[in-house]
Amino acid sequence: MNDAQIAEMLRQRNPWWRDADEWLADEPKLLYADDAPFEYEPTPLAGLTSGGLYTLTGPRRVGKSLEIKRKIRELIQSEVNPRSIIFCSCDGFTTQDLRRLFNVARGVVMDDGRPLWWFIDEITAVDGEWSSVVKEARDNSPLIRDCVVLTGSSARGLDEATKDFAGRRGEGKSHDRLLLPVGFRTFCRLSGKEIGHEIKPASLGDLQAAAARESFEELSFWTEDLHQLWINYLRVGGFPQAIREMRETGDALSFARDLWDVMEGEALLAAGMSAPKMSGLLGALVEGLTSPVNASRIQRNVGFTTHSNVYDRLFSLEKAYLIWLCYQDHELRPNFRAQRKIYFTDPLLARALAHRNPAFAQPVESTLSEQQAGFALLRSIKDRRPGRLDPSETVMYRRTSSKSEIDFVGPEFSVPIEIKYSDTGWARAAQILRANSGSGIVATRRTTDTSGVVWAVPVANLCWALDRDAPTSSAQSQLPGLG
């Protein structure tokens, strides 16, 4: 693109430059969100400051673009000059287009020296080393005084960007932000069921303290409600648009098809995969959801050249926040030589293939329960260290000396956790935890028992207690239950 084309594109994509009041009244994304049967405003862009350089990442369709529009609305309503706010999506950009963007936009808005607010959407889609362009602009232009927000649907390039941005992030903290599908407690509220709002969340580092016992015992009065909501969560997942579709139609089939398109376009076609091969890979992941992945078997059955090709595709999925890798631990550190488990980051991602092609089996509740319990642990750690997911060193599984397996351990856990999605037969799992660690939690289907050194806690109750609900000021969430 030349300078004139970029200038015209910016004028079209920043309608608040023409009439901010009209944009505030008519912006489709904001109107659609405001009309939802619930209020969900996670505020991942809270606390931005002039001179700050921020990243906001997360999977496609999770709501990053909506949060940008909400932030722009907030800035305009707080009387920031609308022409100080610059938005541009970078899909299809080259590094030269990005370099032109920073130069051209400042001239279009007739920069008078005031700090500008830049919202550069899908920066990770830029073809080339985009971080070096941002670094150059921060070093050699007035961009250093501006607030710059870069969003992306993939972690690809962010490690290199972190190095390039060193010393260029501005003052303050939390320069890296991460937006994920909602956790289970938030799902309950968005589903229309307010449960135990006065019960305190559990601390991952103190899961068998007196306060945790009190929370789990109090939640036991809500076990059946939480169990039914858990079944819905495993069916629909935590993408806000999927929950809205469930509220409005009873299911999320249309959004499931959208997620298939996300996996096809974002993660795999970029790696040169055919649709049938992609289906074979995802089918193998769903089939072996709670078992260590056998890359050689997938290579043979799906038709990859080498098993390293399998891992290349898995890492593409991981970078797009669609799966996470759970490593075997060795003294609470990841054993990179052992086989990994592969989990999806959301139940609907695991179901998307079967929704698209009924010849593939749906994952069962027990495996999805294990998956989401592990992700609830990851989310709990991420809430204390915002910005990045790092499952490799935080949430792992363990092989004991007796060849048994413990589902989740980690250096930030106070106790190991085993998922036993059953109302009976959890005593064997408790015995393994007691022999290996002296204590622990067995996540059951409905049973609560906190009398011994190993506790039984329903997996829904555990995940509810681990989730910290996003704040809301709306009464819209006080809606009747699903029944």
Foldseek 3Di string as FASTA:
>chain_A
DDLVVLLVQQCVVQVVLPPVVVCVVDVVLVVVQVPFLDHDDQPLPPPFDFLAAAEEEAFPLLQPVVSVVVVLVVCVVVPDNSLLETEDEQAPAELVNVLSNVVSSCVSSVPPPDAGEYEYEAQVNYPDQNLVSVLVCCVPHPNSRHGYYYYHLFCVNVVVSVVSCVVRRDDDDNRFFYGYFAFLLQLCLLLQHHPPPVQAFDFQLCCLDPSNVVSQVVCLVVQVVLLVSLVVCLQQWRRSVSSSCCSVPVGRLVVLLVLVVSCCPQQPVVVVDDPQLVLLLLLQCLVQQQHFDDLQVNCVVSPNPDSVSVVSSVVSCVRSQQKDWAAEDDVLAGDVVDGIHIATLISSSSQSSCSVPVVRDRRDSQSSLLRSLQNLQQVLVCVVVGRDGDNNRAWHKYQDPVRDIFSTDHPSGNATEHEAAEPDDCVVVQVVRCVGPVAEEYAYCNDFDSPDRYTYGHSSSNRSSSGDHRDDDDPSSNHDHPD
